[in-house]
């Protein structure tokens, strides 16, 4: 489910992961993070060392072959859309449009918004979204199995909302499921799929009233 949704949002591609597991985005998307998974103490130590000594990254590149495959795939998708004038409402298209709109600017964003940045952002959007969603759904299923009362309360809420909306399940009806939102947030608090990140917030913002 997460692969299908992210393929549509990031690349505007319909990828039926259930029936076509050999589709390029599905196949390589699963392998992108293989080089980042700490399978022994040595890899764990090296990963933390690179965080503190970034210059090591040029000597020990963390990217896997799958990342390069997806990078080239994103590159071919963008090239085709640019040449044929194809416009879609997905992440890559918005980045392409942004680059066009700021091309004549002298801003810092215009200076760094290169084709390589767009290709890489497309891959990261897909890979990070797929990996974290898969992780969150796995830990959520585990915790619900461990807490049957919570699972039952959640089940009752889902049925109540669906019955009140003639079985309609979409963004709006899911927004009415307050207990579901609380359960997901608590699971993310206990089992965060990302342990750290390297992006800095450059202005005040509010997330969940905080």
Protein backbone atom coordinates (compact mmCIF):
# COMPACT_ATOMS: atom_id res chain seq x y z
CA UNK A 1 0.00 0.00 0.00
CA UNK A 2 2.73 2.47 0.95
CA UNK A 3 4.67 1.74 -2.25
CA UNK A 4 1.61 2.30 -4.45
CA UNK A 5 0.76 5.58 -2.72
CA UNK A 6 4.28 6.99 -2.77
CA UNK A 7 4.84 5.98 -6.41
CA UNK A 8 1.74 7.98 -7.31
CA UNK A 9 2.67 10.98 -5.13
CA UNK A 10 6.35 11.15 -6.02
CA UNK A 11 6.53 9.99 -9.63
CA UNK A 12 2.92 9.97 -10.82
CA UNK A 13 3.30 6.29 -11.64
CA UNK A 14 0.74 3.59 -10.95
CA UNK A 15 2.76 0.73 -9.47
CA UNK A 16 0.70 -2.30 -8.52
CA UNK A 17 3.16 -3.69 -6.00
CA UNK A 18 0.95 -6.68 -5.20
CA UNK A 19 0.63 -7.94 -8.77
CA UNK A 20 3.91 -6.63 -10.17
CA UNK A 21 6.66 -6.86 -7.50
CA UNK A 22 9.31 -6.72 -10.25
CA UNK A 23 8.30 -3.19 -11.28
CA UNK A 24 11.51 -1.09 -11.14
CA UNK A 25 10.32 1.39 -8.49
CA UNK A 26 9.09 -1.41 -6.26
CA UNK A 27 12.17 -3.59 -6.71
CA UNK A 28 14.79 -0.88 -6.21
CA UNK A 29 12.78 1.01 -3.59
CA UNK A 30 13.06 -1.95 -1.23
CA UNK A 31 16.83 -2.07 -1.66
CA UNK A 32 17.75 1.61 -1.41
CA UNK A 33 18.28 1.49 2.36
CA UNK A 34 20.16 -1.81 2.45
CA UNK A 35 23.44 0.08 2.73
CA UNK A 36 22.11 2.04 5.73
CA UNK A 37 20.88 -0.88 7.82
CA UNK A 38 23.16 -1.61 10.75
CA UNK A 39 23.55 -5.39 10.68
CA UNK A 40 26.61 -5.54 12.95
CA UNK A 41 28.57 -3.37 15.38
CA UNK A 42 31.11 -2.36 12.72
CA UNK A 43 28.52 -0.84 10.39
CA UNK A 44 26.86 0.87 13.36
CA UNK A 45 30.18 2.42 14.44
CA UNK A 46 30.99 3.51 10.88
CA UNK A 47 27.56 5.12 10.42
CA UNK A 48 27.99 7.21 13.57
CA UNK A 49 31.58 8.07 12.66
CA UNK A 50 30.46 9.49 9.29
CA UNK A 51 27.98 11.72 11.15
CA UNK A 52 30.84 13.29 13.10
CA UNK A 53 33.39 13.21 10.27
CA UNK A 54 31.41 14.04 7.09
CA UNK A 55 34.54 14.04 4.94
CA UNK A 56 34.60 10.24 5.23
CA UNK A 57 31.46 10.08 3.10
CA UNK A 58 33.43 10.91 -0.05
CA UNK A 59 35.77 7.99 0.66
CA UNK A 60 33.08 5.55 1.80
CA UNK A 61 29.94 6.45 -0.17
CA UNK A 62 26.84 5.11 1.63
CA UNK A 63 24.64 4.96 -1.48
CA UNK A 64 23.73 1.56 -2.83
CA UNK A 65 23.43 0.41 -6.43
CA UNK A 66 19.65 0.57 -5.98
CA UNK A 67 19.90 4.31 -5.23
CA UNK A 68 21.76 4.85 -8.51
CA UNK A 69 19.10 2.84 -10.36
CA UNK A 70 16.31 4.95 -8.89
CA UNK A 71 18.27 8.13 -9.53
CA UNK A 72 18.52 7.23 -13.22
CA UNK A 73 14.84 6.31 -13.27
CA UNK A 74 13.88 9.72 -11.84
CA UNK A 75 16.19 11.33 -14.39
CA UNK A 76 14.51 9.51 -17.30
CA UNK A 77 11.00 10.38 -16.02
CA UNK A 78 11.87 14.09 -15.77
CA UNK A 79 13.59 14.10 -19.17
CA UNK A 80 10.55 12.53 -20.81
CA UNK A 81 8.14 14.99 -19.19
CA UNK A 82 10.29 17.98 -20.13
CA UNK A 83 10.65 16.88 -23.76
CA UNK A 84 6.97 16.00 -24.19
CA UNK A 85 5.59 18.84 -22.06
CA UNK A 86 3.79 16.40 -19.76
CA UNK A 87 2.32 17.96 -16.60
CA UNK A 88 1.15 15.89 -13.65
CA UNK A 89 0.27 16.73 -10.06
CA UNK A 90 3.09 14.88 -8.28
CA UNK A 91 6.22 15.75 -6.31
CA UNK A 92 8.64 15.68 -9.25
CA UNK A 93 6.37 17.89 -11.36
CA UNK A 94 6.16 20.48 -8.58
CA UNK A 95 9.96 20.55 -8.34
CA UNK A 96 10.28 20.97 -12.11
CA UNK A 97 7.76 23.82 -12.03
CA UNK A 98 9.56 25.45 -9.11
CA UNK A 99 12.85 25.37 -11.00
CA UNK A 100 11.23 27.06 -13.99
CA UNK A 101 9.64 29.76 -11.84
CA UNK A 102 12.85 30.70 -10.03
CA UNK A 103 15.23 30.30 -12.99
CA UNK A 104 15.66 34.07 -13.39
CA UNK A 105 16.01 34.73 -9.65
CA UNK A 106 19.27 35.47 -7.89
CA UNK A 107 18.14 33.80 -4.68
CA UNK A 108 20.10 31.06 -2.93
CA UNK A 109 17.35 28.58 -3.81
CA UNK A 110 17.69 29.32 -7.51
CA UNK A 111 21.44 28.73 -7.30
CA UNK A 112 21.14 25.27 -5.75
CA UNK A 113 18.00 24.05 -7.59
CA UNK A 114 19.85 21.94 -10.16
CA UNK A 115 18.62 18.92 -12.08
CA UNK A 116 20.72 16.69 -9.81
CA UNK A 117 18.96 18.10 -6.75
CA UNK A 118 15.56 17.34 -8.30
CA UNK A 119 16.56 13.77 -9.21
CA UNK A 120 17.96 13.09 -5.75
CA UNK A 121 14.94 14.61 -3.96
CA UNK A 122 12.63 12.38 -5.97
CA UNK A 123 14.55 9.29 -4.87
CA UNK A 124 14.77 10.40 -1.23
CA UNK A 125 11.05 11.23 -1.17
CA UNK A 126 10.21 7.74 -2.36
CA UNK A 127 12.80 5.81 -0.36
CA UNK A 128 12.37 7.63 2.95
CA UNK A 129 8.59 7.62 2.67
CA UNK A 130 8.49 3.91 1.88
CA UNK A 131 10.92 2.83 4.58
CA UNK A 132 9.42 4.93 7.40
CA UNK A 133 5.82 4.03 6.50
CA UNK A 134 6.69 0.33 6.37
CA UNK A 135 8.45 0.60 9.73
CA UNK A 136 5.56 2.52 11.34
CA UNK A 137 2.90 0.08 10.09
CA UNK A 138 4.94 -2.89 11.30
CA UNK A 139 5.42 -1.54 14.82
CA UNK A 140 1.79 -0.35 14.93
CA UNK A 141 0.55 -3.86 14.07
CA UNK A 142 2.83 -5.32 16.73
CA UNK A 143 1.66 -2.92 19.44
CA UNK A 144 -2.02 -3.41 18.58
CA UNK A 145 -1.53 -7.17 18.86
CA UNK A 146 0.02 -6.65 22.31
CA UNK A 147 -2.81 -4.37 23.46
CA UNK A 148 -6.12 -5.98 22.44
CA UNK A 149 -8.23 -3.44 24.35
CA UNK A 150 -6.70 -0.59 22.37
CA UNK A 151 -7.21 -2.59 19.19
CA UNK A 152 -10.88 -3.17 20.04
CA UNK A 153 -11.48 0.51 20.84
CA UNK A 154 -9.81 1.51 17.58
CA UNK A 155 -11.84 -1.05 15.64
CA UNK A 156 -15.08 0.29 17.15
CA UNK A 157 -14.15 3.86 16.18
CA UNK A 158 -13.36 2.87 12.59
CA UNK A 159 -16.70 1.05 12.27
CA UNK A 160 -18.57 3.98 13.80
CA UNK A 161 -17.06 6.51 11.39
CA UNK A 162 -17.56 4.25 8.36
CA UNK A 163 -21.21 3.57 9.27
CA UNK A 164 -21.82 7.31 9.72
CA UNK A 165 -20.42 7.98 6.23
CA UNK A 166 -22.00 5.11 4.26
CA UNK A 167 -18.75 3.15 4.23
CA UNK A 168 -16.77 5.98 2.67
CA UNK A 169 -13.06 5.82 3.53
CA UNK A 170 -11.00 8.83 2.44
CA UNK A 171 -8.87 11.66 3.82
CA UNK A 172 -11.87 13.43 5.37
CA UNK A 173 -13.37 10.42 7.12
CA UNK A 174 -9.98 9.32 8.42
CA UNK A 175 -9.64 12.84 9.84
CA UNK A 176 -12.71 12.09 11.98
CA UNK A 177 -10.94 9.16 13.65
CA UNK A 178 -9.43 10.93 16.66
CA UNK A 179 -8.50 7.71 18.46
CA UNK A 180 -6.72 6.40 15.36
CA UNK A 181 -4.68 9.61 15.26
CA UNK A 182 -3.80 9.21 18.95
CA UNK A 183 -2.80 5.55 18.48
CA UNK A 184 -0.54 6.33 15.52
CA UNK A 185 1.10 9.26 17.34
CA UNK A 186 1.72 7.15 20.45
CA UNK A 187 3.23 4.38 18.34
CA UNK A 188 5.52 6.90 16.63
CA UNK A 189 6.53 8.26 20.05
CA UNK A 190 7.46 4.78 21.24
CA UNK A 191 8.94 3.51 17.98
CA UNK A 192 10.17 6.42 15.90
CA UNK A 193 11.18 5.15 12.43
CA UNK A 194 13.89 7.83 12.10
CA UNK A 195 16.47 8.21 14.85
CA UNK A 196 18.02 11.44 13.56
CA UNK A 197 17.97 13.90 10.67
CA UNK A 198 20.21 16.58 9.25
CA UNK A 199 17.75 19.29 8.30
CA UNK A 200 17.47 22.50 10.29
CA UNK A 201 14.25 24.46 10.78
CA UNK A 202 14.91 28.08 9.76
CA UNK A 203 11.70 29.61 11.12
CA UNK A 204 9.28 29.05 13.99
CA UNK A 205 6.52 26.57 13.27
CA UNK A 206 3.80 24.69 15.14
CA UNK A 207 3.29 20.92 14.97
CA UNK A 208 0.46 19.32 16.92
CA UNK A 209 0.04 22.45 19.10
CA UNK A 210 3.73 22.40 20.10
